[in-house]
């Protein structure tokens, strides 16, 4: 079992920045491919960014490319999502997820991920 806890969400004006954190606990003797996903009200959950277990491979949704950065500190069992130049359309609940059964190129499909955090709300005002 892996437990994931996100933090760092909040209310920010358009153009502002936030940094989300996701701390993993439980079965953390191994590192995993990790992802950030988001779900806006009335919409389906969508891929935001993924990161390989080593931190060497990243992938971003086109809508956030150049504005968001995913990173990890394996010594702290923590994955981050630095979000800059935020837009109102970034408003959503953000979830981190762990893929504990696959160590190849990280998937962008949410169904591949085995464990999920409870989510943290990000609201961007115009």
Foldseek 3Di string as FASTA:
>chain_A
DKAKAKDWADEEAAQAKIKMKIAIDDPLPAFFKKFKWWDAPPGDIFGAKIAARVRPDMDGDPVQPPFWDWGDDSVRNMIMIIGGRDDQVVWTWMKMFGQPPDRDHDDRDPVNTDDIYPTDTHGYHD
